[in-house]
Amino acid sequence: MNNHSTLPSPLVSILPLAVLITLIVLVVRLFPDDALNGASQVALMIASTVCVALTMIVYKMWTVFEDMIKKTVGDAGVSILILLLIGMMSATWMVSGVVPTMIYYGVQLMSPLFFLPCACIISSIISVVTGTSWTTIATIGIALMGIGDALGIPQPYTAGAIISGAYFGDKMSPMSDTTVLASSMAGADLFRHIRYMLYTTVPSISISLVLYLAIGLFYNGTEVEISQYLTGLSHGFNISLWTMLIPAFTGFLIYKKMPSLITLLLSSLAACVCAVILQPQALMHIAGEPTVNARSLFEGLMLTCYSKTGIDTGYEAINSLVATRGMIGMLSTVWLILCAMCFGSCMVASGMLRSITHVLLKSIRNTVSLVCSTVLSGVLLNLVMGDQFLSIIMNVSIYRDEYDRRGYRPELLSRSTEDSATVTSVLVPWTACGMTQSTVLGIPTLVYLPFCFFNILSPVMSCLAAIFGFVPKPEPLRQEYSTERPGQ
């Protein structure tokens, strides 16, 4: 801890985390449908206060907390802008007819039997190509949720399949921020890191697909009337394959490796142009104007981008499906992320996080305990830090010297970190990933959690791989190994 050689004891250090988990449990019980609109944020601030108070009883060091909060929140600026643009893009893809067209044709091509494994595979492919789970879920994920509704598949099942596939791609794509970050921080070659992850990732996704197929068999006998979906979507939107130019344009931007902010913004603007050309009646309805004119089109577009909208399709169930929230719908998530980062900053500045991880380091005796400790630490850091990128950085920083000292290849550290910190972030209600996907899909984090099979299996598979010896043999400590790594 800054200016002090003594860290808080592990028992004291775990108190803020215990307070947070207790408060979150109470919040979910008391506000099951409204936990994200303030109560969870207050719980995080209370836990932050406990952390600061316990530290300042002994040390007068408020400026350290303040500086850490400033740095962490400042680093999150781009992520917050991405969140707002995701809200904008989701809304414009809906109103422009992109998502309704996907749903319209998707419900006619898919069956309940194969829908969940197909949803997982489709999300995997899109996420590998794009390198981002967030964009995958905000685009094709929303369409798949609509198709699942039309086929009678419970929403938590669909959300779990989408998230499993999206995070498979997020983990395995060479264009993924998390993949590049984990490998560079550990000092591992990017493609060797990806190849080495196959030992744990392929079994995890294979078992997940089998489980989704088993669920599909259970629901195969459900008779679903999709004609009302087809009629309602046709009534509310101009269903046209021309709208698929928007996903194609977005894919082109991703292929050209345009920055995420530019890709999301240009995709949203292209969807706005599509809405003016193909969906003028929908924009008129959103604006509340009696006729289609320049004013109603402009007002409809602005409301679509930033506010909640609704389009009358003649069926209440479909109306709720095609309703959008725009950028304003992401504000609770932004609020929660800021509070979560405040809590994580306080845990780091106080030295409590280091105290907890030191306990984990002391328990290491062999390869199995080293890998299992790394995996456990990655999950714990998600609970504390509230951000997967910070969790990856902290996890690699904690264990890097220990892996070097024992002569293990850096790919073992980067794989163990990805198997835990990357994929479990979406399962924690107060992390940026958990709250973003919950907001985008409209399903509470703890509701879809049991069906995110890939995300649950990945940490377990990482530990099993170590137990059964699927790890590189320790190498003699070489002179070129140093404590300085790329990304440090």
Protein backbone atom coordinates (compact mmCIF):
# COMPACT_ATOMS: atom_id res chain seq x y z
CA MET A 1 0.00 0.00 0.00
CA ASN A 2 1.29 3.49 -0.79
CA ASN A 3 3.69 4.83 1.80
CA HIS A 4 3.06 1.83 4.04
CA SER A 5 4.69 -1.59 4.00
CA THR A 6 1.86 -3.27 5.91
CA LEU A 7 -1.20 -4.43 4.03
CA PRO A 8 -4.62 -4.77 5.68
CA SER A 9 -5.20 -8.28 6.97
CA PRO A 10 -7.10 -10.66 4.67
CA LEU A 11 -10.04 -10.78 7.10
CA VAL A 12 -10.35 -7.00 7.04
CA SER A 13 -9.79 -6.90 3.29
CA ILE A 14 -12.65 -9.25 2.54
CA LEU A 15 -15.17 -7.22 4.57
CA PRO A 16 -16.03 -4.69 1.80
CA LEU A 17 -16.57 -7.55 -0.65
CA ALA A 18 -18.78 -9.37 1.86
CA VAL A 19 -20.78 -6.18 2.42
CA LEU A 20 -21.22 -5.73 -1.34
CA ILE A 21 -22.38 -9.29 -1.96
CA THR A 22 -24.81 -9.12 1.00
CA LEU A 23 -26.27 -5.84 -0.24
CA ILE A 24 -26.60 -7.11 -3.82
CA VAL A 25 -28.50 -10.17 -2.59
CA LEU A 26 -30.87 -7.91 -0.63
CA VAL A 27 -31.27 -5.59 -3.61
CA VAL A 28 -32.18 -8.45 -5.95
CA ARG A 29 -34.73 -9.72 -3.42
CA LEU A 30 -36.33 -6.34 -2.70
CA PHE A 31 -36.07 -4.82 -6.20
CA PRO A 32 -36.19 -7.81 -8.58
CA ASP A 33 -37.30 -5.74 -11.59
CA ASP A 34 -35.67 -2.46 -10.67
CA ALA A 35 -32.27 -3.37 -9.24
CA LEU A 36 -30.34 -1.53 -11.95
CA ASN A 37 -32.01 1.82 -11.55
CA GLY A 38 -30.31 2.88 -8.35
CA ALA A 39 -30.26 0.23 -5.65
CA SER A 40 -27.25 -1.67 -7.03
CA GLN A 41 -25.36 1.58 -7.47
CA VAL A 42 -26.02 2.55 -3.86
CA ALA A 43 -24.81 -0.89 -2.73
CA LEU A 44 -21.51 -0.34 -4.56
CA MET A 45 -21.05 3.10 -3.00
CA ILE A 46 -21.74 1.73 0.49
CA ALA A 47 -19.16 -1.01 -0.06
CA SER A 48 -16.70 1.62 -1.28
CA THR A 49 -17.35 3.66 1.86
CA VAL A 50 -16.68 0.62 4.05
CA CYS A 51 -13.39 0.03 2.24
CA VAL A 52 -12.25 3.63 2.65
CA ALA A 53 -13.39 3.86 6.28
CA LEU A 54 -11.58 0.66 7.31
CA THR A 55 -8.38 1.95 5.73
CA MET A 56 -8.52 5.53 7.00
CA ILE A 57 -9.00 4.36 10.60
CA VAL A 58 -5.27 3.55 10.48
CA TYR A 59 -3.95 5.52 7.51
CA LYS A 60 -4.84 9.11 6.51
CA MET A 61 -4.58 8.70 2.75
CA TRP A 62 -7.72 10.00 1.04
CA THR A 63 -5.70 11.54 -1.80
CA VAL A 64 -4.55 8.04 -2.83
CA PHE A 65 -8.17 6.94 -3.20
CA GLU A 66 -9.07 10.09 -5.10
CA ASP A 67 -6.17 9.75 -7.52
CA MET A 68 -6.98 6.07 -8.20
CA ILE A 69 -10.67 6.87 -8.84
CA LYS A 70 -9.73 9.67 -11.23
CA LYS A 71 -7.41 7.40 -13.18
CA THR A 72 -9.81 4.45 -13.37
CA VAL A 73 -12.86 6.50 -14.34
CA GLY A 74 -10.79 8.48 -16.83
CA ASP A 75 -9.63 5.28 -18.51
CA ALA A 76 -13.27 4.20 -18.82
CA GLY A 77 -14.25 7.18 -20.99
CA VAL A 78 -14.04 5.32 -24.29
CA SER A 79 -16.00 2.35 -22.91
CA ILE A 80 -18.79 4.67 -21.78
CA LEU A 81 -18.98 6.26 -25.25
CA ILE A 82 -19.11 2.78 -26.79
CA LEU A 83 -22.02 1.91 -24.48
CA LEU A 84 -23.97 4.98 -25.57
CA LEU A 85 -23.32 4.23 -29.24
CA ILE A 86 -24.42 0.62 -28.74
CA GLY A 87 -27.72 1.97 -27.42
CA MET A 88 -27.99 4.18 -30.47
CA MET A 89 -27.07 1.43 -32.93
CA SER A 90 -29.48 -1.10 -31.39
CA ALA A 91 -32.33 1.39 -31.74
CA THR A 92 -31.52 2.44 -35.31
CA TRP A 93 -31.09 -1.17 -36.45
CA MET A 94 -34.56 -1.89 -35.07
CA VAL A 95 -36.38 1.12 -36.51
CA SER A 96 -34.60 0.90 -39.88
CA GLY A 97 -36.00 -2.62 -40.28
CA VAL A 98 -32.69 -4.53 -40.03
CA VAL A 99 -33.63 -6.52 -36.93
CA PRO A 100 -37.33 -6.99 -37.90
CA THR A 101 -36.22 -8.38 -41.28
CA MET A 102 -33.82 -10.81 -39.56
CA ILE A 103 -36.63 -11.94 -37.26
CA TYR A 104 -39.13 -12.20 -40.13
CA TYR A 105 -37.00 -14.62 -42.14
CA GLY A 106 -35.35 -16.26 -39.14
CA VAL A 107 -38.58 -17.58 -37.64
CA GLN A 108 -39.37 -19.26 -40.97
CA LEU A 109 -35.96 -20.91 -41.31
CA MET A 110 -35.30 -22.11 -37.75
CA SER A 111 -37.03 -24.73 -35.62
CA PRO A 112 -37.23 -24.91 -31.82
CA LEU A 113 -35.21 -28.14 -31.89
CA PHE A 114 -32.03 -26.61 -33.32
CA PHE A 115 -32.54 -22.96 -32.44
CA LEU A 116 -30.39 -22.75 -29.29
CA PRO A 117 -27.30 -24.50 -30.73
CA CYS A 118 -27.76 -22.49 -33.93
CA ALA A 119 -27.99 -19.24 -31.95
CA CYS A 120 -24.79 -20.16 -30.13
CA ILE A 121 -22.96 -21.05 -33.36
CA ILE A 122 -24.14 -17.92 -35.19
CA SER A 123 -23.06 -15.71 -32.30
CA SER A 124 -19.70 -17.52 -32.21
CA ILE A 125 -19.04 -16.94 -35.89
CA ILE A 126 -20.04 -13.26 -35.79
CA SER A 127 -17.98 -12.66 -32.65
CA VAL A 128 -14.87 -14.36 -34.08
CA VAL A 129 -15.17 -12.24 -37.23
CA THR A 130 -15.87 -8.97 -35.42
CA GLY A 131 -13.66 -9.62 -32.39
CA THR A 132 -16.22 -8.21 -29.98
CA SER A 133 -18.99 -9.80 -27.93
CA TRP A 134 -20.64 -6.43 -27.26
CA THR A 135 -21.32 -5.62 -30.91
CA THR A 136 -22.39 -9.21 -31.61
CA ILE A 137 -24.97 -9.19 -28.82
CA ALA A 138 -26.20 -5.67 -29.65
CA THR A 139 -26.88 -6.62 -33.28
CA ILE A 140 -27.47 -10.26 -34.16
CA GLY A 141 -28.16 -11.03 -30.49
CA ILE A 142 -31.24 -8.82 -30.44
CA ALA A 143 -32.54 -10.44 -33.62
CA LEU A 144 -31.98 -13.92 -32.17
CA MET A 145 -33.89 -12.92 -29.02
CA GLY A 146 -36.84 -12.01 -31.23
CA ILE A 147 -36.64 -15.25 -33.16
CA GLY A 148 -36.47 -17.21 -29.91
CA ASP A 149 -39.59 -15.44 -28.65
CA ALA A 150 -41.44 -16.31 -31.85
CA LEU A 151 -40.41 -19.97 -31.54
CA GLY A 152 -41.52 -20.19 -27.91
CA ILE A 153 -38.04 -20.54 -26.41
CA PRO A 154 -37.77 -18.99 -22.90
CA GLN A 155 -35.75 -15.79 -23.02
CA PRO A 156 -33.13 -16.82 -20.42
CA TYR A 157 -32.24 -19.88 -22.53
CA THR A 158 -31.85 -17.77 -25.66
CA ALA A 159 -29.80 -15.14 -23.84
CA GLY A 160 -27.50 -17.84 -22.43
CA ALA A 161 -26.88 -19.35 -25.88
CA ILE A 162 -26.18 -15.94 -27.42
CA ILE A 163 -23.78 -14.93 -24.65
CA SER A 164 -21.98 -18.28 -24.72
CA GLY A 165 -21.35 -17.96 -28.46
CA ALA A 166 -20.42 -14.28 -28.28
CA TYR A 167 -17.85 -14.83 -25.55
CA PHE A 168 -16.39 -17.83 -27.36
CA GLY A 169 -15.59 -15.46 -30.22
CA ASP A 170 -14.46 -12.70 -27.88
CA LYS A 171 -11.98 -15.15 -26.38
CA MET A 172 -10.73 -16.78 -29.60
CA SER A 173 -10.66 -13.95 -32.14
CA PRO A 174 -7.24 -12.43 -32.90
CA MET A 175 -9.06 -9.10 -33.28
CA SER A 176 -10.50 -9.22 -29.76
CA ASP A 177 -9.25 -6.61 -27.29
CA THR A 178 -9.27 -9.13 -24.44
CA THR A 179 -7.31 -11.71 -26.42
CA VAL A 180 -4.65 -9.20 -27.43
CA LEU A 181 -4.52 -7.73 -23.92
CA ALA A 182 -4.13 -11.08 -22.12
CA SER A 183 -1.42 -12.34 -24.49
CA SER A 184 0.57 -9.10 -24.56
CA MET A 185 0.44 -8.62 -20.79
CA ALA A 186 1.71 -12.19 -20.25
CA GLY A 187 4.36 -11.84 -22.94
CA ALA A 188 2.84 -14.60 -25.09
CA ASP A 189 2.70 -14.78 -28.87
CA LEU A 190 -0.88 -13.94 -29.92
CA PHE A 191 -1.52 -16.92 -32.20
CA ARG A 192 0.29 -19.36 -29.93
CA HIS A 193 -1.95 -18.07 -27.13
CA ILE A 194 -5.04 -18.71 -29.27
CA ARG A 195 -3.88 -22.22 -30.25
CA TYR A 196 -3.17 -23.09 -26.63
CA MET A 197 -6.66 -21.96 -25.59
CA LEU A 198 -8.14 -24.64 -27.85
CA TYR A 199 -7.36 -27.25 -25.16
CA THR A 200 -9.97 -25.71 -22.86
CA THR A 201 -12.21 -23.75 -25.23
CA VAL A 202 -13.17 -26.53 -27.66
CA PRO A 203 -14.38 -28.92 -24.90
CA SER A 204 -16.28 -26.08 -23.21
CA ILE A 205 -18.15 -24.96 -26.33
CA SER A 206 -18.77 -28.59 -27.43
CA ILE A 207 -20.40 -29.50 -24.12
CA SER A 208 -22.41 -26.26 -24.27
CA LEU A 209 -23.78 -27.08 -27.72
CA VAL A 210 -24.83 -30.55 -26.53
CA LEU A 211 -26.65 -29.01 -23.57
CA TYR A 212 -28.42 -26.47 -25.82
CA LEU A 213 -29.48 -29.27 -28.15
CA ALA A 214 -30.84 -31.22 -25.16
CA ILE A 215 -32.93 -28.18 -24.18
CA GLY A 216 -34.16 -27.94 -27.78
CA LEU A 217 -35.31 -31.55 -27.63
CA PHE A 218 -37.32 -30.73 -24.53
CA TYR A 219 -39.13 -27.86 -26.28
CA ASN A 220 -39.45 -29.51 -29.68
CA GLY A 221 -43.08 -30.44 -29.13
CA THR A 222 -44.17 -26.84 -28.50
CA GLU A 223 -46.61 -25.59 -31.10
CA VAL A 224 -45.84 -21.95 -31.83
CA GLU A 225 -48.04 -19.73 -34.00
CA ILE A 226 -45.59 -17.57 -35.93
CA SER A 227 -48.10 -16.13 -38.38
CA GLN A 228 -48.90 -13.29 -35.98
CA TYR A 229 -45.23 -12.40 -35.84
CA LEU A 230 -45.04 -12.31 -39.63
CA THR A 231 -48.22 -10.25 -39.88
CA GLY A 232 -47.26 -7.88 -37.08
CA LEU A 233 -43.74 -7.25 -38.40
CA SER A 234 -45.12 -6.65 -41.91
CA HIS A 235 -47.66 -4.24 -40.48
CA GLY A 236 -45.14 -2.22 -38.50
CA PHE A 237 -42.18 -2.28 -40.91
CA ASN A 238 -41.30 -2.47 -44.57
CA ILE A 239 -39.65 -5.90 -44.56
CA SER A 240 -36.93 -5.79 -47.20
CA LEU A 241 -33.68 -7.61 -47.83
CA TRP A 242 -32.21 -4.23 -48.77
CA THR A 243 -31.89 -3.60 -45.03
CA MET A 244 -29.19 -6.30 -44.96
CA LEU A 245 -26.87 -3.77 -46.58
CA ILE A 246 -26.45 -2.26 -43.11
CA PRO A 247 -24.95 -5.42 -41.52
CA ALA A 248 -22.84 -5.87 -44.67
CA PHE A 249 -21.55 -2.29 -44.36
CA THR A 250 -20.82 -2.84 -40.67
CA GLY A 251 -18.94 -6.04 -41.51
CA PHE A 252 -16.89 -4.14 -44.08
CA LEU A 253 -15.91 -1.52 -41.49
CA ILE A 254 -14.85 -4.27 -39.10
CA TYR A 255 -12.88 -6.00 -41.87
CA LYS A 256 -11.04 -2.72 -42.51
CA LYS A 257 -10.24 -2.65 -38.76
CA MET A 258 -11.92 0.67 -38.15
CA PRO A 259 -11.97 1.75 -34.48
CA SER A 260 -15.02 0.60 -32.51
CA LEU A 261 -16.32 4.12 -31.96
CA ILE A 262 -16.19 4.94 -35.68
CA THR A 263 -17.72 1.60 -36.66
CA LEU A 264 -20.65 1.97 -34.27
CA LEU A 265 -21.29 5.58 -35.26
CA LEU A 266 -21.14 4.99 -39.01
CA SER A 267 -23.31 1.88 -38.71
CA SER A 268 -25.90 3.88 -36.76
CA LEU A 269 -25.87 6.72 -39.30
CA ALA A 270 -26.23 4.25 -42.18
CA ALA A 271 -29.23 2.71 -40.39
CA CYS A 272 -30.72 6.21 -40.05
CA VAL A 273 -30.46 6.70 -43.82
CA CYS A 274 -32.07 3.30 -44.33
CA ALA A 275 -34.91 4.25 -41.97
CA VAL A 276 -35.62 7.45 -43.94
CA ILE A 277 -35.76 5.52 -47.22
CA LEU A 278 -37.56 2.33 -46.15
CA GLN A 279 -39.38 3.15 -42.88
CA PRO A 280 -40.81 6.70 -43.18
CA GLN A 281 -44.14 5.60 -41.68
CA ALA A 282 -42.41 4.19 -38.60
CA LEU A 283 -40.49 7.46 -38.10
CA MET A 284 -43.72 9.42 -38.50
CA HIS A 285 -45.35 7.26 -35.82
CA ILE A 286 -42.39 7.75 -33.45
CA ALA A 287 -42.51 11.52 -33.97
CA GLY A 288 -46.27 11.60 -33.35
CA GLU A 289 -46.88 13.53 -36.57
CA PRO A 290 -49.90 12.95 -38.84
CA THR A 291 -47.96 13.06 -42.11
CA VAL A 292 -44.58 12.13 -43.48
CA ASN A 293 -42.50 15.25 -43.99
CA ALA A 294 -39.00 16.53 -43.29
CA ARG A 295 -39.89 17.50 -39.74
CA SER A 296 -41.42 14.15 -38.79
CA LEU A 297 -38.48 12.23 -40.32
CA PHE A 298 -35.88 14.34 -38.48
CA GLU A 299 -37.77 14.23 -35.18
CA GLY A 300 -38.35 10.49 -35.52
CA LEU A 301 -34.64 9.86 -36.13
CA MET A 302 -33.56 11.99 -33.18
CA LEU A 303 -36.00 10.26 -30.83
CA THR A 304 -34.87 6.86 -32.10
CA CYS A 305 -31.22 7.64 -31.39
CA TYR A 306 -31.57 8.97 -27.86
CA SER A 307 -34.97 8.09 -26.40
CA LYS A 308 -37.42 5.25 -25.87
CA THR A 309 -39.60 4.47 -28.87
CA GLY A 310 -42.48 2.20 -29.71
CA ILE A 311 -44.11 1.09 -32.97
CA ASP A 312 -47.64 -0.30 -33.23
CA THR A 313 -47.62 -3.66 -35.03
CA GLY A 314 -51.11 -4.68 -33.98
CA TYR A 315 -49.84 -7.24 -31.46
CA GLU A 316 -48.81 -6.31 -27.93
CA ALA A 317 -46.15 -9.03 -27.67
CA ILE A 318 -44.48 -7.79 -30.86
CA ASN A 319 -44.77 -4.15 -29.76
CA SER A 320 -42.64 -4.91 -26.70
CA LEU A 321 -40.21 -6.86 -28.87
CA VAL A 322 -39.54 -3.98 -31.28
CA ALA A 323 -39.54 -1.22 -28.64
CA THR A 324 -36.20 0.57 -28.31
CA ARG A 325 -34.46 2.61 -25.61
CA GLY A 326 -31.74 4.44 -27.51
CA MET A 327 -28.85 6.06 -25.68
CA ILE A 328 -31.01 6.98 -22.71
CA GLY A 329 -31.57 3.28 -22.05
CA MET A 330 -27.85 2.86 -21.35
CA LEU A 331 -27.60 5.58 -18.69
CA SER A 332 -28.35 3.24 -15.77
CA THR A 333 -25.60 0.96 -17.02
CA VAL A 334 -23.15 3.86 -17.28
CA TRP A 335 -24.10 4.91 -13.74
CA LEU A 336 -23.51 1.40 -12.47
CA ILE A 337 -20.15 1.09 -14.24
CA LEU A 338 -18.93 4.33 -12.65
CA CYS A 339 -19.94 3.09 -9.18
CA ALA A 340 -18.32 -0.31 -9.81
CA MET A 341 -15.09 1.34 -10.88
CA CYS A 342 -15.18 3.48 -7.76
CA PHE A 343 -15.39 0.32 -5.64
CA GLY A 344 -12.58 -1.37 -7.56
CA SER A 345 -10.38 1.70 -7.26
CA CYS A 346 -10.88 1.82 -3.50
CA MET A 347 -10.00 -1.86 -3.13
CA VAL A 348 -6.77 -1.34 -5.11
CA ALA A 349 -5.76 1.93 -3.41
CA SER A 350 -6.36 0.53 0.07
CA GLY A 351 -4.16 -2.51 -0.59
CA MET A 352 -7.06 -4.84 0.26
CA LEU A 353 -6.99 -6.47 -3.17
CA ARG A 354 -3.25 -7.19 -2.81
CA SER A 355 -3.86 -8.63 0.64
CA ILE A 356 -6.47 -11.07 -0.71
CA THR A 357 -4.29 -12.14 -3.65
CA HIS A 358 -1.30 -12.72 -1.36
CA VAL A 359 -3.35 -15.40 0.40
CA LEU A 360 -3.90 -17.08 -2.95
CA LEU A 361 -0.18 -16.95 -3.77
CA LYS A 362 0.72 -18.60 -0.47
CA SER A 363 -1.46 -21.62 -1.32
CA ILE A 364 0.49 -22.45 -4.50
CA ARG A 365 2.37 -25.75 -4.25
CA ASN A 366 2.36 -27.22 -7.78
CA THR A 367 1.07 -26.72 -11.32
CA VAL A 368 -2.53 -27.55 -10.44
CA SER A 369 -2.66 -25.15 -7.51
CA LEU A 370 -0.98 -22.45 -9.61
CA VAL A 371 -3.52 -22.69 -12.43
CA CYS A 372 -6.50 -23.07 -10.09
CA SER A 373 -5.31 -20.08 -8.07
CA THR A 374 -5.00 -18.01 -11.26
CA VAL A 375 -8.51 -18.98 -12.35
CA LEU A 376 -10.00 -18.28 -8.92
CA SER A 377 -8.23 -14.93 -8.82
CA GLY A 378 -9.61 -13.99 -12.25
CA VAL A 379 -13.18 -14.63 -11.07
CA LEU A 380 -12.53 -12.79 -7.79
CA LEU A 381 -11.11 -9.78 -9.63
CA ASN A 382 -14.28 -9.54 -11.70
CA LEU A 383 -16.27 -9.43 -8.48
CA VAL A 384 -14.04 -6.68 -7.11
CA MET A 385 -12.93 -4.61 -10.09
CA GLY A 386 -16.19 -4.54 -12.05
CA ASP A 387 -14.34 -4.47 -15.38
CA GLN A 388 -12.86 -7.37 -17.38
CA PHE A 389 -9.96 -5.34 -18.77
CA LEU A 390 -8.83 -4.26 -15.32
CA SER A 391 -9.28 -7.85 -14.12
CA ILE A 392 -7.08 -9.20 -16.93
CA ILE A 393 -4.36 -6.63 -16.26
CA MET A 394 -4.39 -7.23 -12.50
CA ASN A 395 -4.50 -11.02 -12.80
CA VAL A 396 -1.52 -11.21 -15.14
CA SER A 397 0.42 -8.68 -13.05
CA ILE A 398 -0.14 -10.70 -9.87
CA TYR A 399 1.04 -14.05 -11.27
CA ARG A 400 3.52 -13.14 -14.00
CA ASP A 401 6.63 -13.32 -11.82
CA GLU A 402 5.48 -16.59 -10.23
CA TYR A 403 5.00 -18.23 -13.65
CA ASP A 404 8.41 -16.94 -14.76
CA ARG A 405 10.07 -18.17 -11.58
CA ARG A 406 8.68 -21.67 -12.12
CA GLY A 407 9.68 -21.67 -15.81
CA TYR A 408 6.17 -21.97 -17.29
CA ARG A 409 5.40 -20.65 -20.74
CA PRO A 410 3.47 -17.37 -20.71
CA GLU A 411 0.64 -19.01 -22.70
CA LEU A 412 -0.36 -20.92 -19.58
CA LEU A 413 -0.86 -17.68 -17.67
CA SER A 414 -2.67 -15.93 -20.53
CA ARG A 415 -4.95 -18.94 -21.10
CA SER A 416 -5.82 -19.29 -17.42
CA THR A 417 -6.61 -15.57 -17.29
CA GLU A 418 -8.84 -15.69 -20.37
CA ASP A 419 -10.62 -18.79 -19.07
CA SER A 420 -11.62 -16.85 -15.97
CA ALA A 421 -11.43 -13.05 -16.18
CA THR A 422 -12.66 -12.75 -19.79
CA VAL A 423 -15.62 -15.12 -19.81
CA THR A 424 -17.00 -14.72 -16.26
CA SER A 425 -17.23 -10.92 -16.36
CA VAL A 426 -20.65 -11.17 -18.03
CA LEU A 427 -21.94 -13.32 -15.14
CA VAL A 428 -21.37 -10.65 -12.45
CA PRO A 429 -24.31 -8.23 -12.14
CA TRP A 430 -22.23 -5.14 -11.36
CA THR A 431 -19.50 -5.52 -14.01
CA ALA A 432 -19.53 -3.48 -17.20
CA CYS A 433 -20.12 -6.63 -19.27
CA GLY A 434 -22.84 -8.02 -17.01
CA MET A 435 -24.82 -4.80 -16.94
CA THR A 436 -24.36 -4.03 -20.64
CA GLN A 437 -25.58 -7.42 -21.84
CA SER A 438 -28.40 -7.43 -19.30
CA THR A 439 -29.53 -4.02 -20.57
CA VAL A 440 -29.19 -4.88 -24.27
CA LEU A 441 -30.99 -8.25 -24.02
CA GLY A 442 -33.50 -7.13 -21.41
CA ILE A 443 -32.74 -10.11 -19.13
CA PRO A 444 -31.34 -9.69 -15.57
CA THR A 445 -27.81 -11.01 -15.21
CA LEU A 446 -28.66 -13.57 -12.53
CA VAL A 447 -31.58 -14.84 -14.64
CA TYR A 448 -29.51 -15.69 -17.73
CA LEU A 449 -26.46 -16.81 -15.70
CA PRO A 450 -27.46 -20.50 -15.25
CA PHE A 451 -27.77 -20.92 -19.04
CA CYS A 452 -24.42 -19.38 -20.04
CA PHE A 453 -22.92 -22.85 -20.17
CA PHE A 454 -19.71 -21.87 -21.98
CA ASN A 455 -18.94 -19.09 -19.50
CA ILE A 456 -19.51 -21.40 -16.54
CA LEU A 457 -17.59 -24.35 -18.00
CA SER A 458 -14.49 -22.41 -19.12
CA PRO A 459 -12.97 -21.85 -15.63
CA VAL A 460 -13.76 -25.44 -14.66
CA MET A 461 -12.20 -26.77 -17.87
CA SER A 462 -9.07 -24.71 -17.25
CA CYS A 463 -8.61 -26.37 -13.86
CA LEU A 464 -9.34 -29.82 -15.31
CA ALA A 465 -6.75 -29.28 -18.03
CA ALA A 466 -4.15 -28.61 -15.34
CA ILE A 467 -5.27 -31.64 -13.30
CA PHE A 468 -4.94 -33.96 -16.33
CA GLY A 469 -1.64 -32.46 -17.42
CA PHE A 470 -2.65 -30.42 -20.49
CA VAL A 471 -0.07 -27.74 -19.70
CA PRO A 472 3.30 -27.00 -21.29
CA LYS A 473 6.24 -28.52 -19.47
CA PRO A 474 8.14 -26.10 -17.22
CA GLU A 475 11.20 -24.69 -18.96
CA PRO A 476 14.53 -23.84 -17.35
CA LEU A 477 14.52 -20.22 -16.31
CA ARG A 478 16.20 -18.40 -19.18
CA GLN A 479 18.24 -15.24 -19.06
CA GLU A 480 16.03 -13.45 -21.56
CA TYR A 481 13.07 -13.74 -19.22
CA SER A 482 12.79 -10.52 -17.30
CA THR A 483 10.22 -8.91 -15.11
CA GLU A 484 9.54 -6.40 -17.87
CA ARG A 485 6.85 -7.65 -20.27
CA PRO A 486 5.10 -6.12 -23.28
CA GLY A 487 2.22 -4.06 -22.07
CA GLN A 488 3.77 -3.42 -18.64
